Amino acid sequence: MSSDILSKPIDISKYSLIYAGAQKNCGAAGVTIVIIKKEILGKVQRKIPIILDYQVHILNNSMYNTPPVISIFTVNQTLKYIKKIGGLKKIQELNEEKARLLYAEIDRNKIFRGTVRKKDRSIMNVCFVMEEQYKQLENEFSEYALQKGIIGIKGHRSVGGFRASIYNAVTIESVQALIKCMHDFEQLHTH
C-alpha cells in the first residue's frame, strides 16, 4: 500500500496486515508502516529472522533496532499536516482533483495519450506516452520540461514514456505547471 497509504480513507478492518513504505505519501524513506491484527501475531509456522518478527517489534515498542529518527519525525509532521487540512477525506479530494486535471490534459492533448484504460487509472501515478507520430519528440519534451523546472517524470523502465507521481506532497499548482508545460509544448509542435 505504499502509494495508497494516507492518500484516502482506507477501511483497515478489511486487512489482517498492511505493509507500506513511507516514502510515497507519508514522509521520507526509511520508515515502514505496519498495521497488523493482533490475532495473527505468532502464527508463523516456520523460523523467520527476528528482525522480521512483528511480535518482537511490538514487545519492544517498535524499537527493537535503532529507529530512523528524522524519517519518523517527517511522518509525524505529515500526519499533523493531514489532520490540519481536514484529514484523509480532504487529501483524497485534493488527489482526485490533481489526477482529474492531469488526465483531462492528456486526453485533450494531440501529442500525448494515456497508457492505462480510463477505468483503471491511478490517482497517484499518471502514466502517459507520446502519440506515435510525435514519439521522436520524447527527449525534446523531457528537456523542455526540465527547462520549466519539472523533474522526475521519466516513465517506468518497463513502460517508457512519462510518469507523473502526484503523491500528497505534490501541489495542485505543481500539476498545473506540468499541464501548462504539456499544453505549451503541444502549441510549439502542432501549429
N, C-alpha and C. Protein backbone atom coordinates (compact mmCIF):
# COMPACT_ATOMS: atom_id res chain seq x y z
N MET A 1 0.81 -1.21 0.00
CA MET A 1 0.00 0.00 0.00
C MET A 1 0.84 1.26 0.00
N SER A 2 2.09 1.19 -0.41
CA SER A 2 2.96 2.36 -0.33
C SER A 2 2.42 3.57 -1.07
N SER A 3 1.80 3.37 -2.23
CA SER A 3 1.27 4.50 -2.99
C SER A 3 -0.10 4.95 -2.50
N ASP A 4 -0.82 4.11 -1.80
CA ASP A 4 -2.18 4.44 -1.35
C ASP A 4 -2.26 4.92 0.08
N ILE A 5 -1.36 4.48 0.94
CA ILE A 5 -1.48 4.81 2.35
C ILE A 5 -1.48 6.33 2.54
N LEU A 6 -2.41 6.81 3.30
CA LEU A 6 -2.63 8.23 3.58
C LEU A 6 -3.04 9.06 2.37
N SER A 7 -3.45 8.41 1.29
CA SER A 7 -3.95 9.15 0.13
C SER A 7 -5.47 9.26 0.15
N LYS A 8 -6.09 8.46 0.99
CA LYS A 8 -7.55 8.39 1.07
C LYS A 8 -7.91 7.57 2.31
N PRO A 9 -9.15 7.67 2.76
CA PRO A 9 -9.56 6.79 3.86
C PRO A 9 -9.52 5.33 3.41
N ILE A 10 -9.02 4.47 4.26
CA ILE A 10 -8.93 3.03 3.98
C ILE A 10 -9.54 2.29 5.16
N ASP A 11 -10.44 1.37 4.87
CA ASP A 11 -11.05 0.56 5.93
C ASP A 11 -10.05 -0.53 6.32
N ILE A 12 -9.27 -0.26 7.36
CA ILE A 12 -8.22 -1.20 7.75
C ILE A 12 -8.78 -2.48 8.34
N SER A 13 -10.05 -2.50 8.69
CA SER A 13 -10.64 -3.73 9.24
C SER A 13 -10.72 -4.84 8.20
N LYS A 14 -10.58 -4.50 6.93
CA LYS A 14 -10.64 -5.50 5.85
C LYS A 14 -9.33 -6.26 5.68
N TYR A 15 -8.29 -5.85 6.40
CA TYR A 15 -6.96 -6.42 6.20
C TYR A 15 -6.44 -7.02 7.49
N SER A 16 -5.73 -8.12 7.38
CA SER A 16 -5.04 -8.68 8.53
C SER A 16 -3.69 -8.00 8.73
N LEU A 17 -3.08 -7.58 7.61
CA LEU A 17 -1.80 -6.90 7.67
C LEU A 17 -1.71 -5.90 6.53
N ILE A 18 -1.27 -4.71 6.86
CA ILE A 18 -0.98 -3.68 5.86
C ILE A 18 0.50 -3.33 6.02
N TYR A 19 1.21 -3.32 4.91
CA TYR A 19 2.64 -3.02 4.90
C TYR A 19 2.84 -1.89 3.90
N ALA A 20 3.41 -0.77 4.35
CA ALA A 20 3.58 0.37 3.45
C ALA A 20 4.88 1.10 3.74
N GLY A 21 5.60 1.40 2.67
CA GLY A 21 6.76 2.28 2.80
C GLY A 21 6.27 3.71 2.92
N ALA A 22 6.96 4.51 3.71
CA ALA A 22 6.53 5.89 3.96
C ALA A 22 6.89 6.83 2.82
N GLN A 23 7.83 6.45 1.97
CA GLN A 23 8.42 7.39 1.03
C GLN A 23 7.48 7.92 -0.05
N LYS A 24 6.31 7.39 -0.19
CA LYS A 24 5.39 7.87 -1.22
C LYS A 24 4.50 9.00 -0.69
N ASN A 25 3.74 8.75 0.35
CA ASN A 25 2.76 9.71 0.84
C ASN A 25 2.92 10.11 2.30
N CYS A 26 3.79 9.45 3.02
CA CYS A 26 3.85 9.69 4.47
C CYS A 26 5.06 10.47 4.93
N GLY A 27 6.15 10.40 4.20
CA GLY A 27 7.36 11.06 4.65
C GLY A 27 8.57 10.57 3.89
N ALA A 28 9.70 10.58 4.56
CA ALA A 28 10.96 10.20 3.92
C ALA A 28 11.17 8.69 3.95
N ALA A 29 12.02 8.23 3.06
CA ALA A 29 12.38 6.82 3.05
C ALA A 29 13.02 6.45 4.38
N GLY A 30 12.86 5.21 4.76
CA GLY A 30 13.46 4.73 6.00
C GLY A 30 12.43 4.32 7.03
N VAL A 31 11.17 4.60 6.78
CA VAL A 31 10.10 4.21 7.69
C VAL A 31 9.19 3.24 6.96
N THR A 32 8.85 2.17 7.65
CA THR A 32 7.85 1.24 7.14
C THR A 32 6.68 1.27 8.11
N ILE A 33 5.50 1.40 7.58
CA ILE A 33 4.29 1.40 8.40
C ILE A 33 3.68 0.01 8.30
N VAL A 34 3.50 -0.61 9.45
CA VAL A 34 2.88 -1.93 9.51
C VAL A 34 1.67 -1.84 10.42
N ILE A 35 0.52 -2.20 9.89
CA ILE A 35 -0.71 -2.27 10.67
C ILE A 35 -1.11 -3.74 10.66
N ILE A 36 -1.20 -4.32 11.84
CA ILE A 36 -1.41 -5.77 11.92
C ILE A 36 -2.45 -6.10 12.99
N LYS A 37 -3.30 -7.06 12.68
CA LYS A 37 -4.26 -7.55 13.67
C LYS A 37 -3.51 -8.42 14.67
N LYS A 38 -3.72 -8.17 15.94
CA LYS A 38 -3.01 -8.91 16.99
C LYS A 38 -3.23 -10.41 16.88
N GLU A 39 -4.42 -10.81 16.43
CA GLU A 39 -4.72 -12.25 16.40
C GLU A 39 -3.89 -13.03 15.38
N ILE A 40 -3.21 -12.36 14.47
CA ILE A 40 -2.36 -13.12 13.52
C ILE A 40 -0.91 -13.19 13.98
N LEU A 41 -0.57 -12.45 15.02
CA LEU A 41 0.80 -12.48 15.53
C LEU A 41 1.14 -13.87 16.07
N GLY A 42 2.36 -14.29 15.85
CA GLY A 42 2.82 -15.56 16.39
C GLY A 42 2.30 -16.78 15.68
N LYS A 43 1.68 -16.62 14.54
CA LYS A 43 1.11 -17.77 13.82
C LYS A 43 2.00 -18.28 12.70
N VAL A 44 3.19 -17.72 12.58
CA VAL A 44 4.11 -18.17 11.54
C VAL A 44 4.59 -19.57 11.91
N GLN A 45 4.49 -20.49 10.97
CA GLN A 45 4.83 -21.89 11.22
C GLN A 45 6.30 -22.21 10.97
N ARG A 46 7.02 -21.29 10.39
CA ARG A 46 8.42 -21.56 10.08
C ARG A 46 9.30 -20.55 10.82
N LYS A 47 10.57 -20.83 10.88
CA LYS A 47 11.52 -19.93 11.53
C LYS A 47 11.74 -18.72 10.62
N ILE A 48 11.62 -17.54 11.19
CA ILE A 48 11.87 -16.31 10.43
C ILE A 48 12.91 -15.49 11.17
N PRO A 49 13.66 -14.66 10.44
CA PRO A 49 14.64 -13.80 11.12
C PRO A 49 13.93 -12.91 12.15
N ILE A 50 14.56 -12.69 13.27
CA ILE A 50 13.95 -11.94 14.36
C ILE A 50 13.54 -10.53 13.92
N ILE A 51 14.31 -9.93 13.03
CA ILE A 51 14.02 -8.57 12.57
C ILE A 51 12.70 -8.51 11.79
N LEU A 52 12.26 -9.65 11.25
CA LEU A 52 11.00 -9.70 10.50
C LEU A 52 9.82 -10.18 11.35
N ASP A 53 10.06 -10.42 12.61
CA ASP A 53 9.01 -10.90 13.51
C ASP A 53 8.32 -9.70 14.15
N TYR A 54 7.10 -9.41 13.70
CA TYR A 54 6.38 -8.22 14.19
C TYR A 54 6.10 -8.30 15.69
N GLN A 55 5.94 -9.51 16.22
CA GLN A 55 5.72 -9.67 17.66
C GLN A 55 6.90 -9.08 18.45
N VAL A 56 8.11 -9.28 17.96
CA VAL A 56 9.31 -8.74 18.61
C VAL A 56 9.26 -7.21 18.61
N HIS A 57 8.86 -6.64 17.49
CA HIS A 57 8.78 -5.17 17.41
C HIS A 57 7.73 -4.63 18.37
N ILE A 58 6.60 -5.29 18.46
CA ILE A 58 5.54 -4.85 19.37
C ILE A 58 6.01 -4.93 20.82
N LEU A 59 6.65 -6.03 21.18
CA LEU A 59 7.14 -6.20 22.55
C LEU A 59 8.21 -5.17 22.91
N ASN A 60 8.87 -4.61 21.90
CA ASN A 60 9.91 -3.60 22.12
C ASN A 60 9.46 -2.19 21.74
N ASN A 61 8.15 -1.97 21.72
CA ASN A 61 7.58 -0.65 21.40
C ASN A 61 8.14 -0.07 20.10
N SER A 62 8.26 -0.90 19.08
CA SER A 62 8.77 -0.53 17.75
C SER A 62 10.22 -0.06 17.79
N MET A 63 10.96 -0.44 18.83
CA MET A 63 12.36 -0.01 18.92
C MET A 63 13.29 -1.19 19.17
N TYR A 64 13.05 -2.29 18.47
CA TYR A 64 13.95 -3.44 18.58
C TYR A 64 15.34 -3.05 18.08
N ASN A 65 15.35 -2.25 17.02
CA ASN A 65 16.60 -1.72 16.49
C ASN A 65 16.54 -0.19 16.58
N THR A 66 17.61 0.48 16.19
CA THR A 66 17.64 1.94 16.26
C THR A 66 16.68 2.53 15.24
N PRO A 67 15.69 3.29 15.70
CA PRO A 67 14.71 3.86 14.77
C PRO A 67 15.30 5.02 13.96
N PRO A 68 14.85 5.21 12.71
CA PRO A 68 15.30 6.33 11.88
C PRO A 68 14.58 7.62 12.33
N VAL A 69 15.18 8.33 13.24
CA VAL A 69 14.53 9.45 13.93
C VAL A 69 14.01 10.52 12.97
N ILE A 70 14.84 10.97 12.05
CA ILE A 70 14.41 12.04 11.13
C ILE A 70 13.25 11.56 10.26
N SER A 71 13.31 10.33 9.79
CA SER A 71 12.22 9.80 8.97
C SER A 71 10.92 9.70 9.77
N ILE A 72 11.01 9.27 11.02
CA ILE A 72 9.81 9.19 11.86
C ILE A 72 9.28 10.59 12.15
N PHE A 73 10.17 11.54 12.39
CA PHE A 73 9.76 12.93 12.60
C PHE A 73 9.00 13.46 11.38
N THR A 74 9.50 13.14 10.19
CA THR A 74 8.85 13.58 8.95
C THR A 74 7.44 12.99 8.84
N VAL A 75 7.28 11.72 9.17
CA VAL A 75 5.95 11.11 9.15
C VAL A 75 5.03 11.83 10.14
N ASN A 76 5.54 12.14 11.31
CA ASN A 76 4.73 12.85 12.30
C ASN A 76 4.29 14.22 11.78
N GLN A 77 5.19 14.93 11.12
CA GLN A 77 4.83 16.24 10.54
C GLN A 77 3.76 16.07 9.46
N THR A 78 3.89 15.03 8.66
CA THR A 78 2.90 14.75 7.61
C THR A 78 1.54 14.47 8.23
N LEU A 79 1.52 13.67 9.27
CA LEU A 79 0.25 13.35 9.94
C LEU A 79 -0.40 14.61 10.52
N LYS A 80 0.40 15.48 11.11
CA LYS A 80 -0.13 16.75 11.65
C LYS A 80 -0.72 17.60 10.54
N TYR A 81 -0.01 17.67 9.40
CA TYR A 81 -0.49 18.45 8.27
C TYR A 81 -1.82 17.90 7.75
N ILE A 82 -1.90 16.60 7.58
CA ILE A 82 -3.14 15.98 7.08
C ILE A 82 -4.30 16.28 8.02
N LYS A 83 -4.05 16.18 9.30
CA LYS A 83 -5.10 16.48 10.29
C LYS A 83 -5.51 17.95 10.19
N LYS A 84 -4.53 18.84 10.05
CA LYS A 84 -4.79 20.28 9.99
C LYS A 84 -5.66 20.67 8.79
N ILE A 85 -5.43 20.04 7.64
CA ILE A 85 -6.19 20.44 6.44
C ILE A 85 -7.55 19.77 6.33
N GLY A 86 -7.85 18.85 7.23
CA GLY A 86 -9.17 18.23 7.20
C GLY A 86 -9.18 16.72 7.11
N GLY A 87 -8.03 16.09 7.22
CA GLY A 87 -7.97 14.64 7.26
C GLY A 87 -7.88 13.97 5.90
N LEU A 88 -8.06 12.67 5.92
CA LEU A 88 -7.88 11.86 4.71
C LEU A 88 -8.93 12.13 3.65
N LYS A 89 -10.14 12.50 4.04
CA LYS A 89 -11.16 12.83 3.03
C LYS A 89 -10.73 14.05 2.22
N LYS A 90 -10.14 15.05 2.88
CA LYS A 90 -9.66 16.24 2.18
C LYS A 90 -8.48 15.89 1.29
N ILE A 91 -7.55 15.08 1.79
CA ILE A 91 -6.42 14.63 0.97
C ILE A 91 -6.92 13.90 -0.26
N GLN A 92 -7.91 13.03 -0.09
CA GLN A 92 -8.48 12.30 -1.22
C GLN A 92 -9.06 13.27 -2.24
N GLU A 93 -9.80 14.27 -1.79
CA GLU A 93 -10.37 15.27 -2.71
C GLU A 93 -9.27 15.97 -3.50
N LEU A 94 -8.22 16.39 -2.81
CA LEU A 94 -7.10 17.06 -3.49
C LEU A 94 -6.42 16.13 -4.49
N ASN A 95 -6.18 14.89 -4.10
CA ASN A 95 -5.53 13.93 -5.00
C ASN A 95 -6.39 13.63 -6.22
N GLU A 96 -7.69 13.47 -6.02
CA GLU A 96 -8.59 13.21 -7.15
C GLU A 96 -8.64 14.41 -8.09
N GLU A 97 -8.60 15.61 -7.55
CA GLU A 97 -8.62 16.81 -8.39
C GLU A 97 -7.33 16.92 -9.20
N LYS A 98 -6.19 16.66 -8.59
CA LYS A 98 -4.92 16.69 -9.32
C LYS A 98 -4.95 15.69 -10.47
N ALA A 99 -5.39 14.48 -10.18
CA ALA A 99 -5.45 13.44 -11.22
C ALA A 99 -6.44 13.82 -12.31
N ARG A 100 -7.60 14.34 -11.92
CA ARG A 100 -8.62 14.74 -12.91
C ARG A 100 -8.05 15.79 -13.87
N LEU A 101 -7.39 16.80 -13.33
CA LEU A 101 -6.82 17.86 -14.16
C LEU A 101 -5.77 17.32 -15.13
N LEU A 102 -4.88 16.48 -14.63
CA LEU A 102 -3.80 15.96 -15.47
C LEU A 102 -4.33 15.00 -16.54
N TYR A 103 -5.24 14.11 -16.16
CA TYR A 103 -5.81 13.20 -17.16
C TYR A 103 -6.60 13.97 -18.22
N ALA A 104 -7.27 15.04 -17.82
CA ALA A 104 -8.02 15.85 -18.79
C ALA A 104 -7.08 16.43 -19.83
N GLU A 105 -5.91 16.88 -19.40
CA GLU A 105 -4.94 17.42 -20.36
C GLU A 105 -4.39 16.32 -21.26
N ILE A 106 -4.09 15.18 -20.70
CA ILE A 106 -3.58 14.06 -21.50
C ILE A 106 -4.62 13.67 -22.55
N ASP A 107 -5.87 13.58 -22.16
CA ASP A 107 -6.93 13.19 -23.09
C ASP A 107 -7.19 14.26 -24.15
N ARG A 108 -6.97 15.52 -23.81
CA ARG A 108 -7.22 16.62 -24.74
C ARG A 108 -6.04 16.84 -25.69
N ASN A 109 -4.84 16.64 -25.21
CA ASN A 109 -3.62 16.99 -25.93
C ASN A 109 -3.41 16.07 -27.13
N LYS A 110 -3.02 16.66 -28.27
CA LYS A 110 -2.81 15.90 -29.50
C LYS A 110 -1.50 15.10 -29.48
N ILE A 111 -0.58 15.49 -28.63
CA ILE A 111 0.74 14.87 -28.62
C ILE A 111 0.82 13.67 -27.68
N PHE A 112 0.07 13.72 -26.59
CA PHE A 112 0.18 12.69 -25.54
C PHE A 112 -1.06 11.80 -25.50
N ARG A 113 -0.88 10.61 -24.94
CA ARG A 113 -2.02 9.73 -24.67
C ARG A 113 -1.71 8.91 -23.43
N GLY A 114 -2.75 8.56 -22.72
CA GLY A 114 -2.59 7.74 -21.53
C GLY A 114 -2.25 6.31 -21.89
N THR A 115 -1.68 5.58 -20.96
CA THR A 115 -1.30 4.19 -21.20
C THR A 115 -2.21 3.21 -20.47
N VAL A 116 -3.13 3.72 -19.69
CA VAL A 116 -4.00 2.88 -18.86
C VAL A 116 -5.45 3.17 -19.21
N ARG A 117 -6.27 2.11 -19.26
CA ARG A 117 -7.70 2.31 -19.50
C ARG A 117 -8.27 3.28 -18.48
N LYS A 118 -9.21 4.12 -18.89
CA LYS A 118 -9.77 5.14 -18.00
C LYS A 118 -10.28 4.57 -16.69
N LYS A 119 -10.91 3.43 -16.73
CA LYS A 119 -11.48 2.86 -15.50
C LYS A 119 -10.41 2.33 -14.54
N ASP A 120 -9.17 2.17 -15.03
CA ASP A 120 -8.10 1.61 -14.22
C ASP A 120 -7.02 2.63 -13.84
N ARG A 121 -7.25 3.89 -14.14
CA ARG A 121 -6.24 4.92 -13.92
C ARG A 121 -5.96 5.15 -12.43
N SER A 122 -4.70 5.35 -12.15
CA SER A 122 -4.25 5.64 -10.79
C SER A 122 -4.40 7.13 -10.50
N ILE A 123 -4.70 7.46 -9.25
CA ILE A 123 -4.69 8.88 -8.89
C ILE A 123 -3.33 9.30 -8.33
N MET A 124 -2.42 8.36 -8.19
CA MET A 124 -1.10 8.66 -7.65
C MET A 124 -0.01 8.70 -8.72
N ASN A 125 -0.06 7.79 -9.67
CA ASN A 125 0.95 7.70 -10.72
C ASN A 125 0.26 7.78 -12.08
N VAL A 126 0.45 8.91 -12.74
CA VAL A 126 -0.20 9.15 -14.02
C VAL A 126 0.80 8.85 -15.13
N CYS A 127 0.54 7.77 -15.87
CA CYS A 127 1.44 7.33 -16.94
C CYS A 127 0.91 7.79 -18.29
N PHE A 128 1.81 8.28 -19.12
CA PHE A 128 1.43 8.71 -20.46
C PHE A 128 2.63 8.62 -21.39
N VAL A 129 2.33 8.50 -22.68
CA VAL A 129 3.35 8.43 -23.72
C VAL A 129 2.99 9.43 -24.80
N MET A 130 3.88 9.55 -25.77
CA MET A 130 3.60 10.41 -26.92
C MET A 130 2.91 9.58 -27.99
N GLU A 131 1.99 10.22 -28.67
CA GLU A 131 1.35 9.57 -29.82
C GLU A 131 2.45 9.17 -30.80
N GLU A 132 2.20 8.12 -31.56
CA GLU A 132 3.22 7.54 -32.44
C GLU A 132 3.89 8.58 -33.34
N GLN A 133 3.11 9.48 -33.94
CA GLN A 133 3.70 10.46 -34.87
C GLN A 133 4.56 11.51 -34.17
N TYR A 134 4.53 11.55 -32.84
CA TYR A 134 5.34 12.52 -32.08
C TYR A 134 6.42 11.85 -31.23
N LYS A 135 6.53 10.53 -31.33
CA LYS A 135 7.45 9.76 -30.49
C LYS A 135 8.88 10.29 -30.53
N GLN A 136 9.30 10.80 -31.68
CA GLN A 136 10.67 11.30 -31.82
C GLN A 136 10.91 12.56 -30.98
N LEU A 137 9.84 13.15 -30.43
CA LEU A 137 9.97 14.36 -29.62
C LEU A 137 10.10 14.07 -28.12
N GLU A 138 10.17 12.81 -27.76
CA GLU A 138 10.19 12.44 -26.34
C GLU A 138 11.34 13.09 -25.58
N ASN A 139 12.56 12.98 -26.10
CA ASN A 139 13.71 13.59 -25.43
C ASN A 139 13.59 15.11 -25.41
N GLU A 140 13.08 15.67 -26.49
CA GLU A 140 12.90 17.12 -26.55
C GLU A 140 11.90 17.59 -25.48
N PHE A 141 10.82 16.83 -25.30
CA PHE A 141 9.86 17.20 -24.26
C PHE A 141 10.49 17.08 -22.87
N SER A 142 11.27 16.05 -22.65
CA SER A 142 11.94 15.90 -21.36
C SER A 142 12.82 17.10 -21.06
N GLU A 143 13.57 17.55 -22.07
CA GLU A 143 14.42 18.73 -21.91
C GLU A 143 13.58 19.99 -21.70
N TYR A 144 12.51 20.12 -22.46
CA TYR A 144 11.61 21.27 -22.34
C TYR A 144 11.02 21.33 -20.93
N ALA A 145 10.57 20.21 -20.43
CA ALA A 145 10.01 20.15 -19.07
C ALA A 145 11.07 20.52 -18.04
N LEU A 146 12.27 20.04 -18.23
CA LEU A 146 13.37 20.35 -17.32
C LEU A 146 13.63 21.86 -17.28
N GLN A 147 13.61 22.48 -18.46
CA GLN A 147 13.79 23.94 -18.53
C GLN A 147 12.68 24.69 -17.79
N LYS A 148 11.52 24.08 -17.70
CA LYS A 148 10.39 24.69 -17.00
C LYS A 148 10.38 24.32 -15.51
N GLY A 149 11.42 23.62 -15.06
CA GLY A 149 11.53 23.26 -13.65
C GLY A 149 10.80 21.99 -13.27
N ILE A 150 10.44 21.19 -14.25
CA ILE A 150 9.71 19.95 -13.99
C ILE A 150 10.69 18.79 -14.10
N ILE A 151 10.85 18.07 -12.99
CA ILE A 151 11.80 16.96 -12.94
C ILE A 151 11.09 15.68 -12.51
N GLY A 152 11.73 14.56 -12.78
CA GLY A 152 11.24 13.28 -12.26
C GLY A 152 10.03 12.71 -12.96
N ILE A 153 9.83 13.03 -14.24
CA ILE A 153 8.65 12.50 -14.94
C ILE A 153 9.00 11.40 -15.95
N LYS A 154 10.24 10.96 -15.94
CA LYS A 154 10.60 9.86 -16.84
C LYS A 154 9.78 8.63 -16.49
N GLY A 155 9.28 7.96 -17.51
CA GLY A 155 8.43 6.79 -17.31
C GLY A 155 9.17 5.62 -16.70
N HIS A 156 8.41 4.70 -16.20
CA HIS A 156 8.97 3.47 -15.63
C HIS A 156 9.69 2.70 -16.72
N ARG A 157 10.77 2.05 -16.36
CA ARG A 157 11.60 1.36 -17.37
C ARG A 157 10.82 0.30 -18.15
N SER A 158 9.76 -0.25 -17.57
CA SER A 158 9.00 -1.29 -18.27
C SER A 158 7.97 -0.72 -19.24
N VAL A 159 7.66 0.57 -19.11
CA VAL A 159 6.62 1.19 -19.94
C VAL A 159 7.19 2.26 -20.86
N GLY A 160 8.19 3.00 -20.37
CA GLY A 160 8.72 4.13 -21.13
C GLY A 160 7.81 5.33 -21.01
N GLY A 161 8.00 6.29 -21.89
CA GLY A 161 7.16 7.48 -21.86
C GLY A 161 7.40 8.28 -20.59
N PHE A 162 6.29 8.65 -19.95
CA PHE A 162 6.37 9.54 -18.80
C PHE A 162 5.48 9.03 -17.68
N ARG A 163 5.87 9.38 -16.46
CA ARG A 163 5.06 9.05 -15.30
C ARG A 163 5.14 10.22 -14.32
N ALA A 164 4.01 10.84 -14.08
CA ALA A 164 3.94 11.91 -13.09
C ALA A 164 3.42 11.30 -11.80
N SER A 165 4.28 11.24 -10.81
CA SER A 165 3.87 10.75 -9.49
C SER A 165 3.34 11.95 -8.71
N ILE A 166 2.03 11.96 -8.49
CA ILE A 166 1.39 13.13 -7.88
C ILE A 166 0.91 12.79 -6.47
N TYR A 167 1.86 12.38 -5.66
CA TYR A 167 1.58 12.00 -4.28
C TYR A 167 1.11 13.20 -3.47
N ASN A 168 0.77 12.98 -2.22
CA ASN A 168 0.22 14.01 -1.35
C ASN A 168 1.02 15.31 -1.36
N ALA A 169 2.34 15.22 -1.37
CA ALA A 169 3.18 16.41 -1.26
C ALA A 169 3.19 17.26 -2.53
N VAL A 170 2.72 16.72 -3.63
CA VAL A 170 2.67 17.47 -4.89
C VAL A 170 1.42 18.35 -4.87
N THR A 171 1.64 19.64 -5.07
CA THR A 171 0.53 20.59 -5.00
C THR A 171 -0.25 20.64 -6.32
N ILE A 172 -1.45 21.16 -6.24
CA ILE A 172 -2.25 21.38 -7.46
C ILE A 172 -1.49 22.34 -8.38
N GLU A 173 -0.81 23.33 -7.81
CA GLU A 173 -0.04 24.28 -8.62
C GLU A 173 1.07 23.57 -9.39
N SER A 174 1.69 22.57 -8.80
CA SER A 174 2.73 21.81 -9.50
C SER A 174 2.13 21.01 -10.65
N VAL A 175 0.97 20.42 -10.43
CA VAL A 175 0.28 19.69 -11.50
C VAL A 175 -0.11 20.66 -12.61
N GLN A 176 -0.59 21.84 -12.25
CA GLN A 176 -0.95 22.84 -13.25
C GLN A 176 0.26 23.30 -14.05
N ALA A 177 1.43 23.35 -13.41
CA ALA A 177 2.66 23.70 -14.13
C ALA A 177 2.99 22.64 -15.18
N LEU A 178 2.82 21.36 -14.84
CA LEU A 178 3.04 20.28 -15.80
C LEU A 178 2.03 20.37 -16.94
N ILE A 179 0.79 20.64 -16.60
CA ILE A 179 -0.26 20.77 -17.62
C ILE A 179 0.08 21.91 -18.58
N LYS A 180 0.49 23.04 -18.05
CA LYS A 180 0.87 24.18 -18.90
C LYS A 180 2.05 23.82 -19.78
N CYS A 181 3.01 23.12 -19.23
CA CYS A 181 4.18 22.68 -19.99
C CYS A 181 3.75 21.79 -21.16
N MET A 182 2.87 20.84 -20.90
CA MET A 182 2.37 19.94 -21.94
C MET A 182 1.60 20.71 -23.00
N HIS A 183 0.77 21.64 -22.57
CA HIS A 183 -0.02 22.45 -23.50
C HIS A 183 0.89 23.32 -24.36
N ASP A 184 1.85 23.99 -23.73
CA ASP A 184 2.77 24.86 -24.48
C ASP A 184 3.61 24.06 -25.46
N PHE A 185 4.04 22.86 -25.07
CA PHE A 185 4.81 22.01 -25.96
C PHE A 185 3.96 21.59 -27.16
N GLU A 186 2.71 21.29 -26.91
CA GLU A 186 1.78 20.96 -27.99
C GLU A 186 1.66 22.14 -28.96
N GLN A 187 1.55 23.34 -28.44
CA GLN A 187 1.42 24.53 -29.29
C GLN A 187 2.65 24.72 -30.18
N LEU A 188 3.81 24.42 -29.63
CA LEU A 188 5.05 24.55 -30.40
C LEU A 188 5.13 23.56 -31.56
N HIS A 189 4.49 22.40 -31.42
CA HIS A 189 4.71 21.32 -32.39
C HIS A 189 3.48 20.93 -33.21
N THR A 190 2.36 21.59 -33.03
CA THR A 190 1.17 21.20 -33.80
C THR A 190 0.59 22.34 -34.61
N HIS A 191 1.21 23.50 -34.59
CA HIS A 191 0.67 24.62 -35.38
C HIS A 191 1.61 25.07 -36.45
